[in-house]
Amino acid sequence: MRVEMMSRSISYQEELIESLKAPLEAAPYIEACLEEENSEVLKLALNDVVEAHHRMNELSEDVTALLTKLGELLSEKKGSEIYCLSALLDALGFQLTVTVKQRNY
């Protein structure tokens, strides 16, 4: 028996970026990656969300500068500050969450 793999017209990464255009999809994605306590995973997740915003033409120069700065910090210290904060909050019975910010229309 021969099984032929059908090629997909859209890659997993493309599907991911498309889904992250929706804030209600992006927030839990960032939160889940933050819970991994791995600075590389967090950087990749934030890059994915920024890419989604870029494709929607909703990316300011400020966001780009902040992402660059955060990337440098995560590379230098492996996210130790944010994970230390998360551990402290956990010990106190709290947790970090990422939610969609309410917009004033």
PDB file of N, CA and C in Angstrom:
ATOM      1  N   MET A   1       0.846  -1.164   0.000  1.00  0.00           N
ATOM      2  CA  MET A   1       0.000   0.000   0.000  1.00  0.00           C
ATOM      3  C   MET A   1       0.900   1.239   0.000  1.00  0.00           C
ATOM      4  N   ARG A   2       0.571   2.165  -0.863  1.00  0.00           N
ATOM      5  CA  ARG A   2       1.362   3.385  -0.979  1.00  0.00           C
ATOM      6  C   ARG A   2       0.532   4.573  -0.501  1.00  0.00           C
ATOM      7  N   VAL A   3       1.096   5.304   0.411  1.00  0.00           N
ATOM      8  CA  VAL A   3       0.408   6.482   0.931  1.00  0.00           C
ATOM      9  C   VAL A   3       1.103   7.718   0.365  1.00  0.00           C
ATOM     10  N   GLU A   4       0.340   8.553  -0.286  1.00  0.00           N
ATOM     11  CA  GLU A   4       0.914   9.777  -0.833  1.00  0.00           C
ATOM     12  C   GLU A   4       0.554  10.943   0.076  1.00  0.00           C
ATOM     13  N   MET A   5       1.546  11.718   0.368  1.00  0.00           N
ATOM     14  CA  MET A   5       1.328  12.902   1.186  1.00  0.00           C
ATOM     15  C   MET A   5       0.884  14.045   0.283  1.00  0.00           C
ATOM     16  N   MET A   6      -0.214  14.632   0.646  1.00  0.00           N
ATOM     17  CA  MET A   6      -0.682  15.793  -0.108  1.00  0.00           C
ATOM     18  C   MET A   6       0.019  17.026   0.451  1.00  0.00           C
ATOM     19  N   SER A   7       0.541  17.835  -0.433  1.00  0.00           N
ATOM     20  CA  SER A   7       1.186  19.038   0.064  1.00  0.00           C
ATOM     21  C   SER A   7       0.119  20.054   0.435  1.00  0.00           C
ATOM     22  N   ARG A   8       0.394  20.726   1.502  1.00  0.00           N
ATOM     23  CA  ARG A   8      -0.536  21.743   1.972  1.00  0.00           C
ATOM     24  C   ARG A   8      -0.209  23.043   1.277  1.00  0.00           C
ATOM     25  N   SER A   9      -1.225  23.806   0.971  1.00  0.00           N
ATOM     26  CA  SER A   9      -0.990  25.062   0.281  1.00  0.00           C
ATOM     27  C   SER A   9      -0.540  26.160   1.238  1.00  0.00           C
ATOM     28  N   ILE A  10      -0.711  25.931   2.523  1.00  0.00           N
ATOM     29  CA  ILE A  10      -0.296  26.927   3.503  1.00  0.00           C
ATOM     30  C   ILE A  10       0.463  26.209   4.614  1.00  0.00           C
ATOM     31  N   SER A  11       1.577  26.773   5.007  1.00  0.00           N
ATOM     32  CA  SER A  11       2.416  26.127   6.006  1.00  0.00           C
ATOM     33  C   SER A  11       1.858  26.343   7.410  1.00  0.00           C
ATOM     34  N   TYR A  12       2.373  25.558   8.334  1.00  0.00           N
ATOM     35  CA  TYR A  12       1.972  25.715   9.729  1.00  0.00           C
ATOM     36  C   TYR A  12       2.280  27.122  10.209  1.00  0.00           C
ATOM     37  N   GLN A  13       3.468  27.630   9.876  1.00  0.00           N
ATOM     38  CA  GLN A  13       3.864  28.970  10.310  1.00  0.00           C
ATOM     39  C   GLN A  13       2.900  30.019   9.754  1.00  0.00           C
ATOM     40  N   GLU A  14       2.511  29.864   8.505  1.00  0.00           N
ATOM     41  CA  GLU A  14       1.571  30.816   7.905  1.00  0.00           C
ATOM     42  C   GLU A  14       0.214  30.757   8.609  1.00  0.00           C
ATOM     43  N   GLU A  15      -0.243  29.549   8.919  1.00  0.00           N
ATOM     44  CA  GLU A  15      -1.506  29.404   9.650  1.00  0.00           C
ATOM     45  C   GLU A  15      -1.410  30.037  11.027  1.00  0.00           C
ATOM     46  N   LEU A  16      -0.279  29.828  11.685  1.00  0.00           N
ATOM     47  CA  LEU A  16      -0.065  30.406  13.008  1.00  0.00           C
ATOM     48  C   LEU A  16      -0.121  31.927  12.942  1.00  0.00           C
ATOM     49  N   ILE A  17       0.612  32.517  12.004  1.00  0.00           N
ATOM     50  CA  ILE A  17       0.640  33.976  11.874  1.00  0.00           C
ATOM     51  C   ILE A  17      -0.755  34.505  11.579  1.00  0.00           C
ATOM     52  N   GLU A  18      -1.488  33.836  10.717  1.00  0.00           N
ATOM     53  CA  GLU A  18      -2.859  34.263  10.412  1.00  0.00           C
ATOM     54  C   GLU A  18      -3.734  34.225  11.656  1.00  0.00           C
ATOM     55  N   SER A  19      -3.599  33.172  12.455  1.00  0.00           N
ATOM     56  CA  SER A  19      -4.431  33.060  13.660  1.00  0.00           C
ATOM     57  C   SER A  19      -4.064  34.117  14.690  1.00  0.00           C
ATOM     58  N   LEU A  20      -2.799  34.514  14.718  1.00  0.00           N
ATOM     59  CA  LEU A  20      -2.343  35.485  15.709  1.00  0.00           C
ATOM     60  C   LEU A  20      -2.760  36.914  15.380  1.00  0.00           C
ATOM     61  N   LYS A  21      -3.375  37.110  14.245  1.00  0.00           N
ATOM     62  CA  LYS A  21      -3.932  38.424  13.921  1.00  0.00           C
ATOM     63  C   LYS A  21      -5.112  38.736  14.838  1.00  0.00           C
ATOM     64  N   ALA A  22      -5.736  37.696  15.369  1.00  0.00           N
ATOM     65  CA  ALA A  22      -6.868  37.864  16.288  1.00  0.00           C
ATOM     66  C   ALA A  22      -6.332  37.986  17.711  1.00  0.00           C
ATOM     67  N   PRO A  23      -6.574  39.110  18.369  1.00  0.00           N
ATOM     68  CA  PRO A  23      -6.066  39.290  19.732  1.00  0.00           C
ATOM     69  C   PRO A  23      -6.479  38.178  20.693  1.00  0.00           C
ATOM     70  N   LEU A  24      -7.679  37.645  20.529  1.00  0.00           N
ATOM     71  CA  LEU A  24      -8.129  36.581  21.422  1.00  0.00           C
ATOM     72  C   LEU A  24      -7.401  35.261  21.171  1.00  0.00           C
ATOM     73  N   GLU A  25      -6.697  35.164  20.073  1.00  0.00           N
ATOM     74  CA  GLU A  25      -5.824  34.008  19.808  1.00  0.00           C
ATOM     75  C   GLU A  25      -4.400  34.302  20.276  1.00  0.00           C
ATOM     76  N   ALA A  26      -3.965  35.539  20.089  1.00  0.00           N
ATOM     77  CA  ALA A  26      -2.587  35.910  20.412  1.00  0.00           C
ATOM     78  C   ALA A  26      -2.326  35.913  21.918  1.00  0.00           C
ATOM     79  N   ALA A  27      -3.275  36.407  22.695  1.00  0.00           N
ATOM     80  CA  ALA A  27      -3.064  36.516  24.145  1.00  0.00           C
ATOM     81  C   ALA A  27      -2.766  35.164  24.798  1.00  0.00           C
ATOM     82  N   PRO A  28      -3.593  34.133  24.583  1.00  0.00           N
ATOM     83  CA  PRO A  28      -3.260  32.848  25.223  1.00  0.00           C
ATOM     84  C   PRO A  28      -1.995  32.198  24.652  1.00  0.00           C
ATOM     85  N   TYR A  29      -1.672  32.514  23.394  1.00  0.00           N
ATOM     86  CA  TYR A  29      -0.433  32.004  22.793  1.00  0.00           C
ATOM     87  C   TYR A  29       0.773  32.580  23.528  1.00  0.00           C
ATOM     88  N   ILE A  30       0.768  33.890  23.738  1.00  0.00           N
ATOM     89  CA  ILE A  30       1.869  34.525  24.473  1.00  0.00           C
ATOM     90  C   ILE A  30       1.930  33.986  25.897  1.00  0.00           C
ATOM     91  N   GLU A  31       0.776  33.876  26.524  1.00  0.00           N
ATOM     92  CA  GLU A  31       0.720  33.398  27.908  1.00  0.00           C
ATOM     93  C   GLU A  31       1.280  31.979  28.021  1.00  0.00           C
ATOM     94  N   ALA A  32       0.900  31.115  27.103  1.00  0.00           N
ATOM     95  CA  ALA A  32       1.395  29.729  27.136  1.00  0.00           C
ATOM     96  C   ALA A  32       2.907  29.685  26.935  1.00  0.00           C
ATOM     97  N   CYS A  33       3.405  30.513  26.034  1.00  0.00           N
ATOM     98  CA  CYS A  33       4.857  30.545  25.803  1.00  0.00           C
ATOM     99  C   CYS A  33       5.592  31.136  26.994  1.00  0.00           C
ATOM    100  N   LEU A  34       4.995  32.097  27.661  1.00  0.00           N
ATOM    101  CA  LEU A  34       5.578  32.676  28.867  1.00  0.00           C
ATOM    102  C   LEU A  34       5.690  31.618  29.961  1.00  0.00           C
ATOM    103  N   GLU A  35       4.700  30.751  30.061  1.00  0.00           N
ATOM    104  CA  GLU A  35       4.695  29.693  31.076  1.00  0.00           C
ATOM    105  C   GLU A  35       5.789  28.655  30.849  1.00  0.00           C
ATOM    106  N   GLU A  36       6.319  28.581  29.640  1.00  0.00           N
ATOM    107  CA  GLU A  36       7.390  27.617  29.345  1.00  0.00           C
ATOM    108  C   GLU A  36       8.693  27.967  30.052  1.00  0.00           C
ATOM    109  N   GLU A  37       8.815  29.220  30.506  1.00  0.00           N
ATOM    110  CA  GLU A  37      10.023  29.701  31.186  1.00  0.00           C
ATOM    111  C   GLU A  37      11.277  29.441  30.355  1.00  0.00           C
ATOM    112  N   ASN A  38      11.163  29.735  29.085  1.00  0.00           N
ATOM    113  CA  ASN A  38      12.271  29.583  28.155  1.00  0.00           C
ATOM    114  C   ASN A  38      12.332  30.862  27.330  1.00  0.00           C
ATOM    115  N   SER A  39      13.417  31.614  27.486  1.00  0.00           N
ATOM    116  CA  SER A  39      13.508  32.912  26.824  1.00  0.00           C
ATOM    117  C   SER A  39      13.449  32.808  25.308  1.00  0.00           C
ATOM    118  N   GLU A  40      13.985  31.733  24.743  1.00  0.00           N
ATOM    119  CA  GLU A  40      13.947  31.566  23.285  1.00  0.00           C
ATOM    120  C   GLU A  40      12.510  31.330  22.802  1.00  0.00           C
ATOM    121  N   VAL A  41      11.755  30.544  23.541  1.00  0.00           N
ATOM    122  CA  VAL A  41      10.350  30.301  23.196  1.00  0.00           C
ATOM    123  C   VAL A  41       9.568  31.606  23.273  1.00  0.00           C
ATOM    124  N   LEU A  42       9.809  32.387  24.316  1.00  0.00           N
ATOM    125  CA  LEU A  42       9.121  33.662  24.471  1.00  0.00           C
ATOM    126  C   LEU A  42       9.480  34.620  23.335  1.00  0.00           C
ATOM    127  N   LYS A  43      10.757  34.692  22.972  1.00  0.00           N
ATOM    128  CA  LYS A  43      11.163  35.557  21.863  1.00  0.00           C
ATOM    129  C   LYS A  43      10.480  35.147  20.568  1.00  0.00           C
ATOM    130  N   LEU A  44      10.436  33.858  20.296  1.00  0.00           N
ATOM    131  CA  LEU A  44       9.780  33.382  19.074  1.00  0.00           C
ATOM    132  C   LEU A  44       8.290  33.726  19.067  1.00  0.00           C
ATOM    133  N   ALA A  45       7.643  33.557  20.207  1.00  0.00           N
ATOM    134  CA  ALA A  45       6.214  33.864  20.297  1.00  0.00           C
ATOM    135  C   ALA A  45       5.956  35.340  20.044  1.00  0.00           C
ATOM    136  N   LEU A  46       6.747  36.187  20.665  1.00  0.00           N
ATOM    137  CA  LEU A  46       6.565  37.624  20.469  1.00  0.00           C
ATOM    138  C   LEU A  46       6.860  38.027  19.030  1.00  0.00           C
ATOM    139  N   ASN A  47       7.865  37.402  18.435  1.00  0.00           N
ATOM    140  CA  ASN A  47       8.148  37.664  17.024  1.00  0.00           C
ATOM    141  C   ASN A  47       6.976  37.258  16.140  1.00  0.00           C
ATOM    142  N   ASP A  48       6.345  36.137  16.452  1.00  0.00           N
ATOM    143  CA  ASP A  48       5.179  35.688  15.681  1.00  0.00           C
ATOM    144  C   ASP A  48       4.036  36.697  15.773  1.00  0.00           C
ATOM    145  N   VAL A  49       3.778  37.185  16.981  1.00  0.00           N
ATOM    146  CA  VAL A  49       2.682  38.148  17.176  1.00  0.00           C
ATOM    147  C   VAL A  49       3.010  39.465  16.471  1.00  0.00           C
ATOM    148  N   VAL A  50       4.252  39.889  16.557  1.00  0.00           N
ATOM    149  CA  VAL A  50       4.653  41.114  15.863  1.00  0.00           C
ATOM    150  C   VAL A  50       4.516  40.938  14.355  1.00  0.00           C
ATOM    151  N   GLU A  51       4.893  39.780  13.850  1.00  0.00           N
ATOM    152  CA  GLU A  51       4.748  39.496  12.416  1.00  0.00           C
ATOM    153  C   GLU A  51       3.276  39.582  11.998  1.00  0.00           C
ATOM    154  N   ALA A  52       2.387  39.053  12.812  1.00  0.00           N
ATOM    155  CA  ALA A  52       0.952  39.119  12.508  1.00  0.00           C
ATOM    156  C   ALA A  52       0.485  40.566  12.448  1.00  0.00           C
ATOM    157  N   HIS A  53       0.927  41.381  13.392  1.00  0.00           N
ATOM    158  CA  HIS A  53       0.551  42.800  13.386  1.00  0.00           C
ATOM    159  C   HIS A  53       1.161  43.528  12.189  1.00  0.00           C
ATOM    160  N   HIS A  54       2.378  43.144  11.844  1.00  0.00           N
ATOM    161  CA  HIS A  54       3.044  43.740  10.684  1.00  0.00           C
ATOM    162  C   HIS A  54       2.232  43.478   9.423  1.00  0.00           C
ATOM    163  N   ARG A  55       1.752  42.270   9.277  1.00  0.00           N
ATOM    164  CA  ARG A  55       0.966  41.919   8.090  1.00  0.00           C
ATOM    165  C   ARG A  55      -0.377  42.644   8.033  1.00  0.00           C
ATOM    166  N   MET A  56      -0.848  43.095   9.176  1.00  0.00           N
ATOM    167  CA  MET A  56      -2.106  43.849   9.218  1.00  0.00           C
ATOM    168  C   MET A  56      -1.833  45.356   9.132  1.00  0.00           C
ATOM    169  N   ASN A  57      -0.562  45.718   8.931  1.00  0.00           N
ATOM    170  CA  ASN A  57      -0.162  47.127   8.894  1.00  0.00           C
ATOM    171  C   ASN A  57      -0.513  47.847  10.185  1.00  0.00           C
ATOM    172  N   GLU A  58      -0.389  47.139  11.305  1.00  0.00           N
ATOM    173  CA  GLU A  58      -0.669  47.710  12.615  1.00  0.00           C
ATOM    174  C   GLU A  58       0.572  47.662  13.497  1.00  0.00           C
ATOM    175  N   LEU A  59       1.696  48.010  12.918  1.00  0.00           N
ATOM    176  CA  LEU A  59       2.944  47.925  13.657  1.00  0.00           C
ATOM    177  C   LEU A  59       3.619  49.292  13.643  1.00  0.00           C
ATOM    178  N   SER A  60       3.784  49.845  14.821  1.00  0.00           N
ATOM    179  CA  SER A  60       4.429  51.150  14.916  1.00  0.00           C
ATOM    180  C   SER A  60       5.935  50.972  15.081  1.00  0.00           C
ATOM    181  N   GLU A  61       6.661  52.057  14.864  1.00  0.00           N
ATOM    182  CA  GLU A  61       8.106  52.021  15.068  1.00  0.00           C
ATOM    183  C   GLU A  61       8.425  51.748  16.530  1.00  0.00           C
ATOM    184  N   ASP A  62       7.559  52.233  17.434  1.00  0.00           N
ATOM    185  CA  ASP A  62       7.763  51.986  18.861  1.00  0.00           C
ATOM    186  C   ASP A  62       7.757  50.495  19.171  1.00  0.00           C
ATOM    187  N   VAL A  63       6.827  49.760  18.572  1.00  0.00           N
ATOM    188  CA  VAL A  63       6.729  48.319  18.812  1.00  0.00           C
ATOM    189  C   VAL A  63       7.994  47.631  18.313  1.00  0.00           C
ATOM    190  N   THR A  64       8.444  48.018  17.151  1.00  0.00           N
ATOM    191  CA  THR A  64       9.659  47.428  16.597  1.00  0.00           C
ATOM    192  C   THR A  64      10.852  47.684  17.509  1.00  0.00           C
ATOM    193  N   ALA A  65      10.979  48.907  18.011  1.00  0.00           N
ATOM    194  CA  ALA A  65      12.083  49.250  18.908  1.00  0.00           C
ATOM    195  C   ALA A  65      11.979  48.474  20.215  1.00  0.00           C
ATOM    196  N   LEU A  66      10.769  48.364  20.754  1.00  0.00           N
ATOM    197  CA  LEU A  66      10.572  47.616  22.003  1.00  0.00           C
ATOM    198  C   LEU A  66      10.892  46.135  21.823  1.00  0.00           C
ATOM    199  N   LEU A  67      10.496  45.565  20.690  1.00  0.00           N
ATOM    200  CA  LEU A  67      10.793  44.154  20.428  1.00  0.00           C
ATOM    201  C   LEU A  67      12.298  43.932  20.337  1.00  0.00           C
ATOM    202  N   THR A  68      12.990  44.838  19.683  1.00  0.00           N
ATOM    203  CA  THR A  68      14.444  44.733  19.578  1.00  0.00           C
ATOM    204  C   THR A  68      15.082  44.800  20.953  1.00  0.00           C
ATOM    205  N   LYS A  69      14.648  45.752  21.761  1.00  0.00           N
ATOM    206  CA  LYS A  69      15.189  45.921  23.115  1.00  0.00           C
ATOM    207  C   LYS A  69      14.917  44.677  23.962  1.00  0.00           C
ATOM    208  N   LEU A  70      13.679  44.178  23.917  1.00  0.00           N
ATOM    209  CA  LEU A  70      13.334  42.987  24.685  1.00  0.00           C
ATOM    210  C   LEU A  70      14.133  41.783  24.203  1.00  0.00           C
ATOM    211  N   GLY A  71      14.303  41.657  22.906  1.00  0.00           N
ATOM    212  CA  GLY A  71      15.111  40.563  22.366  1.00  0.00           C
ATOM    213  C   GLY A  71      16.527  40.583  22.898  1.00  0.00           C
ATOM    214  N   GLU A  72      17.101  41.783  22.987  1.00  0.00           N
ATOM    215  CA  GLU A  72      18.448  41.920  23.538  1.00  0.00           C
ATOM    216  C   GLU A  72      18.477  41.507  25.009  1.00  0.00           C
ATOM    217  N   LEU A  73      17.476  41.977  25.773  1.00  0.00           N
ATOM    218  CA  LEU A  73      17.418  41.633  27.201  1.00  0.00           C
ATOM    219  C   LEU A  73      17.237  40.128  27.404  1.00  0.00           C
ATOM    220  N   LEU A  74      16.363  39.516  26.612  1.00  0.00           N
ATOM    221  CA  LEU A  74      16.140  38.075  26.750  1.00  0.00           C
ATOM    222  C   LEU A  74      17.379  37.286  26.366  1.00  0.00           C
ATOM    223  N   SER A  75      18.145  37.799  25.400  1.00  0.00           N
ATOM    224  CA  SER A  75      19.372  37.109  24.995  1.00  0.00           C
ATOM    225  C   SER A  75      20.449  37.223  26.068  1.00  0.00           C
ATOM    226  N   GLU A  76      20.550  38.411  26.653  1.00  0.00           N
ATOM    227  CA  GLU A  76      21.593  38.651  27.664  1.00  0.00           C
ATOM    228  C   GLU A  76      21.334  37.894  28.959  1.00  0.00           C
ATOM    229  N   LYS A  77      20.115  37.968  29.446  1.00  0.00           N
ATOM    230  CA  LYS A  77      19.823  37.434  30.776  1.00  0.00           C
ATOM    231  C   LYS A  77      18.874  36.242  30.754  1.00  0.00           C
ATOM    232  N   LYS A  78      18.553  35.755  29.573  1.00  0.00           N
ATOM    233  CA  LYS A  78      17.675  34.589  29.418  1.00  0.00           C
ATOM    234  C   LYS A  78      16.312  34.779  30.087  1.00  0.00           C
ATOM    235  N   GLY A  79      15.876  36.031  30.190  1.00  0.00           N
ATOM    236  CA  GLY A  79      14.560  36.307  30.767  1.00  0.00           C
ATOM    237  C   GLY A  79      14.500  36.132  32.260  1.00  0.00           C
ATOM    238  N   SER A  80      15.656  36.147  32.914  1.00  0.00           N
ATOM    239  CA  SER A  80      15.679  35.848  34.347  1.00  0.00           C
ATOM    240  C   SER A  80      14.780  36.765  35.159  1.00  0.00           C
ATOM    241  N   GLU A  81      14.704  38.038  34.788  1.00  0.00           N
ATOM    242  CA  GLU A  81      13.879  38.970  35.561  1.00  0.00           C
ATOM    243  C   GLU A  81      12.398  38.606  35.495  1.00  0.00           C
ATOM    244  N   ILE A  82      11.918  38.340  34.299  1.00  0.00           N
ATOM    245  CA  ILE A  82      10.488  38.051  34.162  1.00  0.00           C
ATOM    246  C   ILE A  82      10.134  36.715  34.803  1.00  0.00           C
ATOM    247  N   TYR A  83      11.045  35.747  34.707  1.00  0.00           N
ATOM    248  CA  TYR A  83      10.766  34.450  35.308  1.00  0.00           C
ATOM    249  C   TYR A  83      10.912  34.504  36.821  1.00  0.00           C
ATOM    250  N   CYS A  84      11.772  35.365  37.324  1.00  0.00           N
ATOM    251  CA  CYS A  84      11.883  35.578  38.763  1.00  0.00           C
ATOM    252  C   CYS A  84      10.593  36.223  39.277  1.00  0.00           C
ATOM    253  N   LEU A  85      10.096  37.221  38.556  1.00  0.00           N
ATOM    254  CA  LEU A  85       8.827  37.853  38.926  1.00  0.00           C
ATOM    255  C   LEU A  85       7.700  36.826  38.921  1.00  0.00           C
ATOM    256  N   SER A  86       7.667  35.993  37.898  1.00  0.00           N
ATOM    257  CA  SER A  86       6.639  34.957  37.802  1.00  0.00           C
ATOM    258  C   SER A  86       6.725  33.989  38.983  1.00  0.00           C
ATOM    259  N   ALA A  87       7.938  33.590  39.354  1.00  0.00           N
ATOM    260  CA  ALA A  87       8.130  32.674  40.485  1.00  0.00           C
ATOM    261  C   ALA A  87       7.703  33.320  41.795  1.00  0.00           C
ATOM    262  N   LEU A  88       8.045  34.586  41.971  1.00  0.00           N
ATOM    263  CA  LEU A  88       7.647  35.303  43.176  1.00  0.00           C
ATOM    264  C   LEU A  88       6.126  35.394  43.269  1.00  0.00           C
ATOM    265  N   LEU A  89       5.491  35.779  42.161  1.00  0.00           N
ATOM    266  CA  LEU A  89       4.028  35.857  42.159  1.00  0.00           C
ATOM    267  C   LEU A  89       3.400  34.500  42.440  1.00  0.00           C
ATOM    268  N   ASP A  90       3.980  33.444  41.859  1.00  0.00           N
ATOM    269  CA  ASP A  90       3.477  32.093  42.088  1.00  0.00           C
ATOM    270  C   ASP A  90       3.570  31.730  43.568  1.00  0.00           C
ATOM    271  N   ALA A  91       4.708  32.058  44.192  1.00  0.00           N
ATOM    272  CA  ALA A  91       4.893  31.769  45.619  1.00  0.00           C
ATOM    273  C   ALA A  91       3.899  32.533  46.488  1.00  0.00           C
ATOM    274  N   LEU A  92       3.448  33.685  45.988  1.00  0.00           N
ATOM    275  CA  LEU A  92       2.473  34.500  46.721  1.00  0.00           C
ATOM    276  C   LEU A  92       1.029  34.136  46.371  1.00  0.00           C
ATOM    277  N   GLY A  93       0.874  33.172  45.467  1.00  0.00           N
ATOM    278  CA  GLY A  93      -0.472  32.741  45.085  1.00  0.00           C
ATOM    279  C   GLY A  93      -1.061  33.514  43.917  1.00  0.00           C
ATOM    280  N   PHE A  94      -0.204  34.140  43.122  1.00  0.00           N
ATOM    281  CA  PHE A  94      -0.662  34.883  41.953  1.00  0.00           C
ATOM    282  C   PHE A  94      -0.039  34.309  40.692  1.00  0.00           C
ATOM    283  N   GLN A  95      -0.488  34.799  39.549  1.00  0.00           N
ATOM    284  CA  GLN A  95       0.136  34.398  38.291  1.00  0.00           C
ATOM    285  C   GLN A  95       0.074  35.541  37.299  1.00  0.00           C
ATOM    286  N   LEU A  96       1.051  35.553  36.394  1.00  0.00           N
ATOM    287  CA  LEU A  96       1.030  36.516  35.301  1.00  0.00           C
ATOM    288  C   LEU A  96       0.032  36.041  34.255  1.00  0.00           C
ATOM    289  N   THR A  97      -0.724  36.951  33.729  1.00  0.00           N
ATOM    290  CA  THR A  97      -1.633  36.606  32.638  1.00  0.00           C
ATOM    291  C   THR A  97      -1.500  37.637  31.530  1.00  0.00           C
ATOM    292  N   VAL A  98      -1.850  37.227  30.345  1.00  0.00           N
ATOM    293  CA  VAL A  98      -1.872  38.113  29.193  1.00  0.00           C
ATOM    294  C   VAL A  98      -3.314  38.163  28.719  1.00  0.00           C
ATOM    295  N   THR A  99      -3.875  39.351  28.714  1.00  0.00           N
ATOM    296  CA  THR A  99      -5.254  39.535  28.270  1.00  0.00           C
ATOM    297  C   THR A  99      -5.304  40.603  27.199  1.00  0.00           C
ATOM    298  N   VAL A 100      -6.393  40.627  26.488  1.00  0.00           N
ATOM    299  CA  VAL A 100      -6.577  41.620  25.438  1.00  0.00           C
ATOM    300  C   VAL A 100      -6.987  42.942  26.100  1.00  0.00           C
ATOM    301  N   LYS A 101      -6.288  43.982  25.735  1.00  0.00           N
ATOM    302  CA  LYS A 101      -6.551  45.310  26.273  1.00  0.00           C
ATOM    303  C   LYS A 101      -7.833  45.871  25.653  1.00  0.00           C
ATOM    304  N   GLN A 102      -8.646  46.469  26.497  1.00  0.00           N
ATOM    305  CA  GLN A 102      -9.877  47.090  26.017  1.00  0.00           C
ATOM    306  C   GLN A 102      -9.517  48.358  25.241  1.00  0.00           C
ATOM    307  N   ARG A 103     -10.130  48.521  24.092  1.00  0.00           N
ATOM    308  CA  ARG A 103      -9.896  49.710  23.288  1.00  0.00           C
ATOM    309  C   ARG A 103     -11.048  50.683  23.479  1.00  0.00           C
ATOM    310  N   ASN A 104     -10.724  51.937  23.506  1.00  0.00           N
ATOM    311  CA  ASN A 104     -11.741  52.980  23.591  1.00  0.00           C
ATOM    312  C   ASN A 104     -12.084  53.447  22.184  1.00  0.00           C
ATOM    313  N   TYR A 105     -13.293  53.151  21.753  1.00  0.00           N
ATOM    314  CA  TYR A 105     -13.700  53.551  20.405  1.00  0.00           C
ATOM    315  C   TYR A 105     -14.543  54.770  20.441  1.00  0.00           C
TER     316      TYR A 105
END
